[in-house]
Structures are given as structure tokens and as C-alpha cells.
C-alpha atoms as a PDB file:
ATOM      1  CA  MET A   1     118.858 152.789 111.113  1.00  0.00           C
ATOM      2  CA  LYS A   2     121.442 151.319 108.591  1.00  0.00           C
ATOM      3  CA  LEU A   3     123.077 149.373 111.458  1.00  0.00           C
ATOM      4  CA  ILE A   4     119.714 147.841 112.394  1.00  0.00           C
ATOM      5  CA  PHE A   5     119.011 147.057 108.760  1.00  0.00           C
ATOM      6  CA  LYS A   6     122.426 145.263 108.351  1.00  0.00           C
ATOM      7  CA  ILE A   7     121.771 143.297 111.530  1.00  0.00           C
ATOM      8  CA  PHE A   8     118.385 142.229 110.246  1.00  0.00           C
ATOM      9  CA  ILE A   9     119.924 141.087 106.931  1.00  0.00           C
ATOM     10  CA  LEU A  10     122.608 139.134 108.803  1.00  0.00           C
ATOM     11  CA  LEU A  11     119.942 137.436 110.935  1.00  0.00           C
ATOM     12  CA  LEU A  12     117.946 136.464 107.855  1.00  0.00           C
ATOM     13  CA  LEU A  13     121.123 135.169 106.205  1.00  0.00           C
ATOM     14  CA  PHE A  14     122.056 133.096 109.334  1.00  0.00           C
ATOM     15  CA  CYS A  15     118.513 131.700 109.570  1.00  0.00           C
ATOM     16  CA  SER A  16     118.636 130.761 105.899  1.00  0.00           C
ATOM     17  CA  ILE A  17     122.005 129.046 106.418  1.00  0.00           C
ATOM     18  CA  SER A  18     120.674 127.287 109.470  1.00  0.00           C
ATOM     19  CA  VAL A  19     117.742 125.848 107.538  1.00  0.00           C
ATOM     20  CA  THR A  20     120.078 124.801 104.691  1.00  0.00           C
ATOM     21  CA  LEU A  21     122.790 123.265 106.828  1.00  0.00           C
ATOM     22  CA  TRP A  22     120.873 121.798 109.820  1.00  0.00           C
ATOM     23  CA  GLY A  23     117.170 121.880 109.135  1.00  0.00           C
ATOM     24  CA  ARG A  24     114.812 119.990 106.851  1.00  0.00           C
ATOM     25  CA  GLN A  25     111.449 120.852 105.491  1.00  0.00           C
ATOM     26  CA  GLN A  26     108.953 119.235 107.759  1.00  0.00           C
ATOM     27  CA  ASN A  27     105.891 117.407 106.363  1.00  0.00           C
ATOM     28  CA  ILE A  28     103.467 116.766 109.184  1.00  0.00           C
ATOM     29  CA  ILE A  29     101.209 113.591 109.015  1.00  0.00           C
ATOM     30  CA  LEU A  30      98.174 113.515 111.109  1.00  0.00           C
ATOM     31  CA  THR A  31      97.230 110.085 112.529  1.00  0.00           C
ATOM     32  CA  GLY A  32      95.175 108.428 115.234  1.00  0.00           C
ATOM     33  CA  SER A  33      96.481 107.731 118.727  1.00  0.00           C
ATOM     34  CA  GLN A  34      99.962 106.354 119.348  1.00  0.00           C
ATOM     35  CA  LYS A  35      98.576 102.837 119.536  1.00  0.00           C
ATOM     36  CA  SER A  36      96.701 103.059 116.293  1.00  0.00           C
ATOM     37  CA  GLY A  37      97.627 101.501 113.032  1.00  0.00           C
ATOM     38  CA  SER A  38      97.800 104.814 111.352  1.00  0.00           C
ATOM     39  CA  TYR A  39     100.373 106.106 113.823  1.00  0.00           C
ATOM     40  CA  ILE A  40     102.446 102.907 113.464  1.00  0.00           C
ATOM     41  CA  PHE A  41     102.274 103.161 109.714  1.00  0.00           C
ATOM     42  CA  ALA A  42     103.275 106.828 109.592  1.00  0.00           C
ATOM     43  CA  ASN A  43     106.307 106.159 111.867  1.00  0.00           C
ATOM     44  CA  GLU A  44     107.509 103.382 109.618  1.00  0.00           C
ATOM     45  CA  LEU A  45     106.900 105.579 106.541  1.00  0.00           C
ATOM     46  CA  ALA A  46     109.021 108.382 108.097  1.00  0.00           C
ATOM     47  CA  ARG A  47     111.783 105.873 108.856  1.00  0.00           C
ATOM     48  CA  LEU A  48     111.712 104.509 105.303  1.00  0.00           C
ATOM     49  CA  TRP A  49     111.773 108.039 103.854  1.00  0.00           C
ATOM     50  CA  THR A  50     114.736 109.044 106.020  1.00  0.00           C
ATOM     51  CA  SER A  51     116.759 105.902 105.174  1.00  0.00           C
ATOM     52  CA  SER A  52     116.122 106.161 101.497  1.00  0.00           C
ATOM     53  CA  GLU A  53     117.809 108.320  98.882  1.00  0.00           C
ATOM     54  CA  THR A  54     114.454 109.865  97.999  1.00  0.00           C
ATOM     55  CA  SER A  55     115.014 113.196  99.652  1.00  0.00           C
ATOM     56  CA  ARG A  56     117.472 114.531 102.148  1.00  0.00           C
ATOM     57  CA  LYS A  57     115.737 117.900 102.408  1.00  0.00           C
ATOM     58  CA  VAL A  58     112.334 116.693 103.646  1.00  0.00           C
ATOM     59  CA  GLU A  59     111.403 114.820 106.811  1.00  0.00           C
ATOM     60  CA  PHE A  60     107.972 113.528 107.979  1.00  0.00           C
ATOM     61  CA  VAL A  61     106.822 114.337 111.497  1.00  0.00           C
ATOM     62  CA  ILE A  62     103.918 112.412 112.998  1.00  0.00           C
ATOM     63  CA  ARG A  63     101.275 114.198 115.007  1.00  0.00           C
ATOM     64  CA  PRO A  64      98.378 112.326 116.608  1.00  0.00           C
ATOM     65  CA  GLU A  65      94.955 113.915 116.156  1.00  0.00           C
ATOM     66  CA  ILE A  66      92.218 111.684 117.645  1.00  0.00           C
ATOM     67  CA  LEU A  67      89.271 112.928 115.525  1.00  0.00           C
ATOM     68  CA  PRO A  68      89.520 111.933 111.858  1.00  0.00           C
ATOM     69  CA  LYS A  69      87.291 114.860 110.867  1.00  0.00           C
ATOM     70  CA  GLY A  70      89.784 117.177 112.684  1.00  0.00           C
ATOM     71  CA  ARG A  71      92.604 115.800 110.533  1.00  0.00           C
ATOM     72  CA  LEU A  72      90.700 116.648 107.405  1.00  0.00           C
ATOM     73  CA  ILE A  73      90.004 120.233 108.637  1.00  0.00           C
ATOM     74  CA  GLN A  74      93.639 120.903 109.546  1.00  0.00           C
ATOM     75  CA  LEU A  75      94.794 119.437 106.259  1.00  0.00           C
ATOM     76  CA  GLU A  76      92.433 121.598 104.235  1.00  0.00           C
ATOM     77  CA  ASN A  77      93.456 124.728 106.241  1.00  0.00           C
ATOM     78  CA  ASN A  78      97.078 124.087 105.185  1.00  0.00           C
ATOM     79  CA  ARG A  79      98.278 123.440 108.758  1.00  0.00           C
ATOM     80  CA  VAL A  80      99.646 119.953 107.949  1.00  0.00           C
ATOM     81  CA  THR A  81     100.746 118.089 104.839  1.00  0.00           C
ATOM     82  CA  LEU A  82      99.166 114.620 104.964  1.00  0.00           C
ATOM     83  CA  ALA A  83      96.522 112.785 106.961  1.00  0.00           C
ATOM     84  CA  ILE A  84      95.514 109.163 107.396  1.00  0.00           C
ATOM     85  CA  ILE A  85      91.792 108.533 107.979  1.00  0.00           C
ATOM     86  CA  ASP A  86      89.609 105.466 108.240  1.00  0.00           C
ATOM     87  CA  ALA A  87      87.313 104.257 105.442  1.00  0.00           C
ATOM     88  CA  ALA A  88      84.104 105.372 107.199  1.00  0.00           C
ATOM     89  CA  THR A  89      85.322 108.947 107.449  1.00  0.00           C
ATOM     90  CA  ALA A  90      86.632 108.904 103.883  1.00  0.00           C
ATOM     91  CA  HIS A  91      83.194 107.822 102.598  1.00  0.00           C
ATOM     92  CA  THR A  92      81.217 110.387 104.552  1.00  0.00           C
ATOM     93  CA  ASP A  93      83.444 113.436 104.912  1.00  0.00           C
ATOM     94  CA  LEU A  94      85.988 113.619 102.160  1.00  0.00           C
ATOM     95  CA  LYS A  95      83.423 115.149  99.739  1.00  0.00           C
ATOM     96  CA  LYS A  96      82.877 117.982 102.218  1.00  0.00           C
ATOM     97  CA  HIS A  97      86.497 119.059 101.564  1.00  0.00           C
ATOM     98  CA  PRO A  98      86.833 119.745  97.818  1.00  0.00           C
ATOM     99  CA  GLY A  99      90.423 120.859  98.184  1.00  0.00           C
ATOM    100  CA  LEU A 100      91.559 117.448  99.336  1.00  0.00           C
ATOM    101  CA  ARG A 101      92.658 114.413  97.286  1.00  0.00           C
ATOM    102  CA  VAL A 102      93.370 110.785  98.004  1.00  0.00           C
ATOM    103  CA  LEU A 103      96.888 109.629  97.384  1.00  0.00           C
ATOM    104  CA  THR A 104      96.262 105.942  97.944  1.00  0.00           C
ATOM    105  CA  VAL A 105      94.323 103.462 100.011  1.00  0.00           C
ATOM    106  CA  LEU A 106      96.621 101.702 102.459  1.00  0.00           C
ATOM    107  CA  TRP A 107      96.708  98.286 104.192  1.00  0.00           C
ATOM    108  CA  GLN A 108      93.755  95.948 104.304  1.00  0.00           C
ATOM    109  CA  ASN A 109      91.923  95.736 107.617  1.00  0.00           C
ATOM    110  CA  TRP A 110      90.235  92.290 107.602  1.00  0.00           C
ATOM    111  CA  LEU A 111      87.248  91.295 109.833  1.00  0.00           C
ATOM    112  CA  TYR A 112      88.701  88.215 111.569  1.00  0.00           C
ATOM    113  CA  VAL A 113      86.237  85.649 112.914  1.00  0.00           C
ATOM    114  CA  MET A 114      87.769  82.774 114.837  1.00  0.00           C
ATOM    115  CA  GLY A 115      85.675  80.072 116.531  1.00  0.00           C
ATOM    116  CA  THR A 116      85.036  76.686 117.922  1.00  0.00           C
ATOM    117  CA  VAL A 117      81.744  76.318 116.100  1.00  0.00           C
ATOM    118  CA  PRO A 118      81.507  73.390 113.634  1.00  0.00           C
ATOM    119  CA  GLY A 119      81.850  74.034 109.898  1.00  0.00           C
ATOM    120  CA  PRO A 120      83.874  76.617 107.920  1.00  0.00           C
ATOM    121  CA  ILE A 121      81.195  79.288 107.944  1.00  0.00           C
ATOM    122  CA  LEU A 122      79.966  81.541 110.824  1.00  0.00           C
ATOM    123  CA  SER A 123      76.278  80.770 111.383  1.00  0.00           C
ATOM    124  CA  LEU A 124      73.769  83.088 112.955  1.00  0.00           C
ATOM    125  CA  GLU A 125      71.621  80.239 114.129  1.00  0.00           C
ATOM    126  CA  SER A 126      74.220  78.158 115.950  1.00  0.00           C
ATOM    127  CA  THR A 127      76.292  80.947 117.590  1.00  0.00           C
ATOM    128  CA  GLN A 128      75.298  81.770 121.136  1.00  0.00           C
ATOM    129  CA  THR A 129      78.305  83.808 122.444  1.00  0.00           C
ATOM    130  CA  LEU A 130      80.603  86.348 120.926  1.00  0.00           C
ATOM    131  CA  LEU A 131      83.780  88.078 122.175  1.00  0.00           C
ATOM    132  CA  VAL A 132      84.205  91.204 120.133  1.00  0.00           C
ATOM    133  CA  HIS A 133      87.020  93.820 120.086  1.00  0.00           C
ATOM    134  CA  ASP A 134      86.028  97.461 120.419  1.00  0.00           C
ATOM    135  CA  ASN A 135      87.362  98.151 116.923  1.00  0.00           C
ATOM    136  CA  THR A 136      84.689  95.788 115.521  1.00  0.00           C
ATOM    137  CA  PHE A 137      81.613  97.493 116.870  1.00  0.00           C
ATOM    138  CA  TYR A 138      80.144  97.647 113.326  1.00  0.00           C
ATOM    139  CA  PHE A 139      80.074  93.843 113.224  1.00  0.00           C
ATOM    140  CA  ALA A 140      78.425  93.521 116.656  1.00  0.00           C
ATOM    141  CA  GLN A 141      75.792  96.064 115.674  1.00  0.00           C
ATOM    142  CA  VAL A 142      74.724  94.201 112.549  1.00  0.00           C
ATOM    143  CA  TRP A 143      74.916  90.880 114.349  1.00  0.00           C
ATOM    144  CA  ASN A 144      72.720  92.117 117.155  1.00  0.00           C
ATOM    145  CA  ASN A 145      70.120  93.328 114.667  1.00  0.00           C
ATOM    146  CA  LEU A 146      70.020  89.873 113.047  1.00  0.00           C
ATOM    147  CA  SER A 147      70.388  87.771 116.248  1.00  0.00           C
ATOM    148  CA  PRO A 148      69.430  89.921 119.288  1.00  0.00           C
ATOM    149  CA  HIS A 149      69.546  86.960 121.709  1.00  0.00           C
ATOM    150  CA  THR A 150      73.355  86.358 121.195  1.00  0.00           C
ATOM    151  CA  LYS A 151      75.431  87.175 124.291  1.00  0.00           C
ATOM    152  CA  ILE A 152      78.193  89.663 123.289  1.00  0.00           C
ATOM    153  CA  ASN A 153      81.202  90.367 125.530  1.00  0.00           C
ATOM    154  CA  TRP A 154      83.811  92.984 124.700  1.00  0.00           C
ATOM    155  CA  PHE A 155      87.590  93.478 124.933  1.00  0.00           C
ATOM    156  CA  ASN A 156      90.166  96.026 123.803  1.00  0.00           C
ATOM    157  CA  ILE A 157      93.969  96.592 123.895  1.00  0.00           C
ATOM    158  CA  GLU A 158      93.771  97.524 127.536  1.00  0.00           C
ATOM    159  CA  SER A 159      91.818  94.410 128.492  1.00  0.00           C
ATOM    160  CA  ILE A 160      92.997  91.513 126.428  1.00  0.00           C
ATOM    161  CA  PRO A 161      91.475  88.272 127.683  1.00  0.00           C
ATOM    162  CA  ASP A 162      93.562  85.464 129.011  1.00  0.00           C
ATOM    163  CA  PHE A 163      93.381  82.728 126.447  1.00  0.00           C
ATOM    164  CA  SER A 164      95.772  80.405 128.267  1.00  0.00           C
ATOM    165  CA  GLU A 165      93.024  77.884 128.812  1.00  0.00           C
ATOM    166  CA  GLY A 166      91.369  78.442 125.509  1.00  0.00           C
ATOM    167  CA  PHE A 167      88.479  80.601 124.247  1.00  0.00           C
ATOM    168  CA  SER A 168      85.528  81.023 126.680  1.00  0.00           C
ATOM    169  CA  GLU A 169      83.213  82.281 123.942  1.00  0.00           C
ATOM    170  CA  GLU A 170      82.286  80.351 120.819  1.00  0.00           C
ATOM    171  CA  VAL A 171      83.463  83.083 118.421  1.00  0.00           C
ATOM    172  CA  LEU A 172      86.104  85.800 118.670  1.00  0.00           C
ATOM    173  CA  ALA A 173      85.771  88.814 116.289  1.00  0.00           C
ATOM    174  CA  PHE A 174      88.227  91.670 115.731  1.00  0.00           C
ATOM    175  CA  THR A 175      89.583  93.867 112.874  1.00  0.00           C
ATOM    176  CA  GLY A 176      93.252  93.894 111.909  1.00  0.00           C
ATOM    177  CA  PRO A 177      95.746  93.826 109.058  1.00  0.00           C
ATOM    178  CA  VAL A 178      96.312  90.639 107.066  1.00  0.00           C
ATOM    179  CA  HIS A 179      99.257  88.371 108.010  1.00  0.00           C
ATOM    180  CA  LEU A 180      98.979  89.027 111.746  1.00  0.00           C
ATOM    181  CA  LYS A 181     101.445  86.779 113.574  1.00  0.00           C
ATOM    182  CA  GLU A 182      99.053  86.570 116.591  1.00  0.00           C
ATOM    183  CA  VAL A 183      96.466  84.804 114.446  1.00  0.00           C
ATOM    184  CA  ASN A 184      98.902  81.977 113.603  1.00  0.00           C
ATOM    185  CA  ASP A 185      99.995  81.796 117.235  1.00  0.00           C
ATOM    186  CA  TRP A 186      96.389  81.281 118.352  1.00  0.00           C
ATOM    187  CA  LEU A 187      95.666  78.713 115.679  1.00  0.00           C
ATOM    188  CA  GLU A 188      98.717  76.740 116.699  1.00  0.00           C
ATOM    189  CA  GLN A 189      98.127  77.090 120.435  1.00  0.00           C
ATOM    190  CA  PHE A 190      94.392  76.159 120.418  1.00  0.00           C
ATOM    191  CA  PRO A 191      93.744  73.254 118.064  1.00  0.00           C
ATOM    192  CA  GLY A 192      89.952  73.564 118.317  1.00  0.00           C
ATOM    193  CA  ILE A 193      90.034  77.132 116.996  1.00  0.00           C
ATOM    194  CA  HIS A 194      89.741  77.896 113.287  1.00  0.00           C
ATOM    195  CA  LEU A 195      89.161  80.841 111.001  1.00  0.00           C
ATOM    196  CA  LEU A 196      85.567  81.248 109.722  1.00  0.00           C
ATOM    197  CA  SER A 197      84.023  82.720 106.616  1.00  0.00           C
ATOM    198  CA  LEU A 198      81.001  84.895 106.823  1.00  0.00           C
ATOM    199  CA  ASP A 199      77.784  83.677 105.200  1.00  0.00           C
ATOM    200  CA  GLN A 200      76.264  85.761 102.454  1.00  0.00           C
ATOM    201  CA  GLN A 201      73.392  87.006 104.580  1.00  0.00           C
ATOM    202  CA  LEU A 202      75.803  88.452 107.064  1.00  0.00           C
ATOM    203  CA  ILE A 203      78.022  89.968 104.344  1.00  0.00           C
ATOM    204  CA  GLN A 204      75.091  91.576 102.615  1.00  0.00           C
ATOM    205  CA  ALA A 205      73.780  92.931 105.939  1.00  0.00           C
ATOM    206  CA  LEU A 206      77.158  94.445 106.755  1.00  0.00           C
ATOM    207  CA  GLN A 207      77.592  96.092 103.388  1.00  0.00           C
ATOM    208  CA  THR A 208      74.030  97.443 103.440  1.00  0.00           C
ATOM    209  CA  LYS A 209      74.589  99.039 106.793  1.00  0.00           C
ATOM    210  CA  PHE A 210      78.237 100.131 106.170  1.00  0.00           C
ATOM    211  CA  SER A 211      78.919 101.016 102.576  1.00  0.00           C
ATOM    212  CA  TRP A 212      82.655 101.435 103.287  1.00  0.00           C
ATOM    213  CA  LEU A 213      83.079  97.743 103.776  1.00  0.00           C
ATOM    214  CA  ILE A 214      83.972  95.662 100.695  1.00  0.00           C
ATOM    215  CA  THR A 215      83.755  91.955 100.019  1.00  0.00           C
ATOM    216  CA  GLN A 216      87.069  90.230 100.067  1.00  0.00           C
ATOM    217  CA  LYS A 217      88.662  86.742 100.026  1.00  0.00           C
ATOM    218  CA  LEU A 218      91.771  85.537 101.729  1.00  0.00           C
ATOM    219  CA  PRO A 219      93.421  82.797  99.579  1.00  0.00           C
ATOM    220  CA  PRO A 220      94.306  79.373 101.015  1.00  0.00           C
ATOM    221  CA  ASN A 221      97.375  79.167 103.247  1.00  0.00           C
ATOM    222  CA  THR A 222      97.237  82.787 104.240  1.00  0.00           C
ATOM    223  CA  TYR A 223      97.193  81.296 107.768  1.00  0.00           C
ATOM    224  CA  LEU A 224      97.977  77.914 109.343  1.00  0.00           C
ATOM    225  CA  TYR A 225      95.433  75.162 108.678  1.00  0.00           C
ATOM    226  CA  GLN A 226      93.566  77.327 106.220  1.00  0.00           C
ATOM    227  CA  THR A 227      92.916  75.130 103.177  1.00  0.00           C
ATOM    228  CA  GLU A 228      90.188  77.107 101.491  1.00  0.00           C
ATOM    229  CA  ASP A 229      89.347  80.704 100.604  1.00  0.00           C
ATOM    230  CA  LEU A 230      88.036  82.783 103.486  1.00  0.00           C
ATOM    231  CA  GLU A 231      85.065  85.008 102.474  1.00  0.00           C
ATOM    232  CA  GLY A 232      84.438  88.144 104.476  1.00  0.00           C
ATOM    233  CA  VAL A 233      84.622  91.925 104.484  1.00  0.00           C
ATOM    234  CA  ALA A 234      87.482  94.372 104.856  1.00  0.00           C
ATOM    235  CA  TRP A 235      88.251  98.086 104.686  1.00  0.00           C
ATOM    236  CA  TYR A 236      91.208 100.213 103.772  1.00  0.00           C
ATOM    237  CA  PRO A 237      92.480 103.366 105.529  1.00  0.00           C
ATOM    238  CA  VAL A 238      93.128 106.362 103.239  1.00  0.00           C
ATOM    239  CA  LEU A 239      96.154 108.589 102.831  1.00  0.00           C
ATOM    240  CA  VAL A 240      94.928 112.102 101.982  1.00  0.00           C
ATOM    241  CA  VAL A 241      96.698 115.295 100.768  1.00  0.00           C
ATOM    242  CA  ARG A 242      95.727 118.606  99.391  1.00  0.00           C
ATOM    243  CA  ASN A 243      95.201 118.949  95.643  1.00  0.00           C
ATOM    244  CA  ASP A 244      98.271 121.263  95.460  1.00  0.00           C
ATOM    245  CA  PHE A 245     100.562 118.625  96.953  1.00  0.00           C
ATOM    246  CA  SER A 246     103.783 118.426  94.862  1.00  0.00           C
ATOM    247  CA  GLN A 247     103.448 115.875  92.052  1.00  0.00           C
ATOM    248  CA  GLU A 248     107.099 114.931  92.231  1.00  0.00           C
ATOM    249  CA  ARG A 249     106.895 114.323  96.020  1.00  0.00           C
ATOM    250  CA  ALA A 250     103.616 112.445  95.633  1.00  0.00           C
ATOM    251  CA  LYS A 251     105.235 110.156  93.068  1.00  0.00           C
ATOM    252  CA  LYS A 252     108.288 109.496  95.235  1.00  0.00           C
ATOM    253  CA  LEU A 253     106.104 108.766  98.219  1.00  0.00           C
ATOM    254  CA  LEU A 254     103.857 106.334  96.341  1.00  0.00           C
ATOM    255  CA  ASN A 255     106.808 104.509  94.800  1.00  0.00           C
ATOM    256  CA  LEU A 256     108.339 104.124  98.237  1.00  0.00           C
ATOM    257  CA  ILE A 257     105.155 102.796  99.724  1.00  0.00           C
ATOM    258  CA  PHE A 258     104.429 100.273  96.994  1.00  0.00           C
ATOM    259  CA  ALA A 259     108.032  99.034  96.893  1.00  0.00           C
ATOM    260  CA  GLN A 260     107.737  97.633 100.406  1.00  0.00           C
ATOM    261  CA  SER A 261     105.549  94.644  99.374  1.00  0.00           C
ATOM    262  CA  LYS A 262     108.671  93.306  97.655  1.00  0.00           C
ATOM    263  CA  ALA A 263     111.076  94.088 100.475  1.00  0.00           C
ATOM    264  CA  LEU A 264     112.814  91.283 102.349  1.00  0.00           C
ATOM    265  CA  ASN A 265     111.030  91.763 105.626  1.00  0.00           C
ATOM    266  CA  PRO A 266     108.387  94.491 105.261  1.00  0.00           C
ATOM    267  CA  ASN A 267     106.365  95.883 108.201  1.00  0.00           C
ATOM    268  CA  VAL A 268     103.004  94.010 108.368  1.00  0.00           C
ATOM    269  CA  LEU A 269     101.124  97.142 107.475  1.00  0.00           C
ATOM    270  CA  PHE A 270     103.098  97.622 104.213  1.00  0.00           C
ATOM    271  CA  GLN A 271     103.070  93.963 103.218  1.00  0.00           C
ATOM    272  CA  ASN A 272      99.799  94.122 101.327  1.00  0.00           C
ATOM    273  CA  ILE A 273      99.689  97.706 100.084  1.00  0.00           C
ATOM    274  CA  LEU A 274      99.268  97.305  96.282  1.00  0.00           C
ATOM    275  CA  ARG A 275      98.508  99.660  93.455  1.00  0.00           C
ATOM    276  CA  ALA A 276      95.664  97.315  92.380  1.00  0.00           C
ATOM    277  CA  ASN A 277      93.831  97.949  95.714  1.00  0.00           C
ATOM    278  CA  ASN A 278      92.854 101.394  94.441  1.00  0.00           C
ATOM    279  CA  ILE A 279      90.911 100.136  91.476  1.00  0.00           C
ATOM    280  CA  ALA A 280      87.820  99.501  93.552  1.00  0.00           C
ATOM    281  CA  TYR A 281      87.818 103.115  94.582  1.00  0.00           C
ATOM    282  CA  LYS A 282      88.432 104.740  91.236  1.00  0.00           C
ATOM    283  CA  ASN A 283      84.854 106.152  91.139  1.00  0.00           C
ATOM    284  CA  VAL A 284      84.559 106.552  94.908  1.00  0.00           C
ATOM    285  CA  TYR A 285      87.322 108.958  95.756  1.00  0.00           C
ATOM    286  CA  ASP A 286      88.874 111.982  94.125  1.00  0.00           C
ATOM    287  CA  TYR A 287      92.514 111.050  93.537  1.00  0.00           C
ATOM    288  CA  HIS A 288      95.535 113.299  93.346  1.00  0.00           C
ATOM    289  CA  THR A 289      96.823 113.881  89.805  1.00  0.00           C
ATOM    290  CA  ALA A 290     100.075 112.029  90.457  1.00  0.00           C
ATOM    291  CA  ALA A 291      98.138 109.089  91.828  1.00  0.00           C
ATOM    292  CA  LYS A 292      95.938 108.959  88.714  1.00  0.00           C
ATOM    293  CA  LYS A 293      98.950 108.743  86.550  1.00  0.00           C
ATOM    294  CA  ILE A 294     100.483 105.893  88.534  1.00  0.00           C
ATOM    295  CA  PHE A 295      97.234 103.984  88.707  1.00  0.00           C
ATOM    296  CA  ARG A 296      96.391 104.845  85.091  1.00  0.00           C
ATOM    297  CA  PHE A 297      93.108 106.284  85.983  1.00  0.00           C
ATOM    298  CA  LYS A 298      91.520 108.476  83.324  1.00  0.00           C
END
């Protein structure tokens, strides 16, 4: 019996030494599919964390979970450490999980509208055909309610149209982060194409139907040949933790994320993540204590 006890102690000691010498504490981040922005963001965040002096004892592991609601359930059940969810899920489901807190909103997802139609503003009356990405179904739904006779065609990452001879539809609509290289490529390649603002009727209809959309402006020269503000709508993914997430680690993580906007060549998803983006959500989300201190929320 004593021999078995000694062996057991030695095994525990060896395991402890193994964790100290070769292992790191794993923090699992739940994201969307491997082609999603949340997965790409989480991988870059894990890389930045590993290459920084922030912590050598902790590593972030990315695990895809297709259903955003499933991410929240696993997070609340203490099976994972962090989760990234979309704005729609954050607005409808976060309040159902009182043990969870928002650490920060992340990159801006802008509703891009590019077209050959005359004028700087997308018009319901003059637009006959739309080509819409699957991730912008919300836009097509509202548009169809306002202008049911418009012909809408669809595309996605698996079926990207061939634009070698220009745009076959009058207007192309998709959702993506700001400062997309592909947008400048298209603007330069197809001289007749330009970025369009949304008119106020369309903006109001979108926000009435989808409260998680917010009105935004892109300043001049964000893209090639853009000489004026672009008016439209956007939404921000949300980084969520439990309310017992370490304040020290939360602070380090937030400082690492916000520092990237000033980096020499930041990842496009980190380029526009700013503390100030959280102000609009001060009274919408329940923030983690460390986040409140950094954002100076009372």
C-alpha cells in the first residue's frame, strides 16, 4: 500500500513538472468556421500573444463552433475561456446568459455597396439588378420589402463571380471589414464602378428591422477615388468571456488587441479595433470589470 502511494505521489510530481516545463495553460477561443473572420482573428490573436512578452505560461487554442448560441452555452458552462459572436447573436442572446460579459467589440464589418448606377447614393427607384453575398442576406431582405421587383442574384466564397469583363449586375453588395484590398483592386480594375452611400430611407429601414446595425461613415480617401464621406451601416463582432475571467489577463489581452492599430503592418481585422468603438455599446452590453476600467465606463 505504501509503495502504491509513493508511486502515485511520484506520478503527480512528474505530471506537475511536465506541465511546468513543457505545458502551458490553454485558453480555448470558440469561433465560426475556418473561413470566417472570427477564426482568422482568433488565430492572429493567438500568434500575437505567443510572440509577445505578455505571458509565457498561457496559450490560446482556437476551436470552431458553427452555432454562435452554442459558443455562449459552452462558455457559460466553463468548457472554454472566450468566444467570438456576431452582433445579432450578442443583441438577442447575451442577456440570456447572466454569467457572461463582453470584453470588447472587435473589427467593423461594413455593408459595401458598389455599382455602376449614376450618382453617389444607392437609389431604390433606379436599381434593377443586385448581386448579393450570402453574408449580406439582411440587406437583401430589407431591399426586397422596399423594392420587390428588383432581380437579386447571389454569390458566396465558394462561387465568386468572374469579374474579368466587369460587373454584370448594376449593384454589388457584401459585408466585410474596412480597408479591404480587394475593394481597391476592383475600383482600379473597373473604372465604371464606384462605392455608393445608402439613402436615409434604406438606412432607417435596415436599422428598424435589425437593431444590431449602427449608422456609420467612412471618411474620404478610405478607398481609391472616394472623395466624400460614405454613409451606411455596419456591425461589430463581440469578444465574450465569463464574469470571473481574470482581470489581469483581461487587461493584458485588451492592451494587446488595441495596440495593433498602431503597429507597422497590422492584420486588416485589427487595423480598426479602437477603444472608442465600445462607447456606442456602453448601455447595450454588460461589460467585464477590467473592460469598464479601460473604457472608463461607470
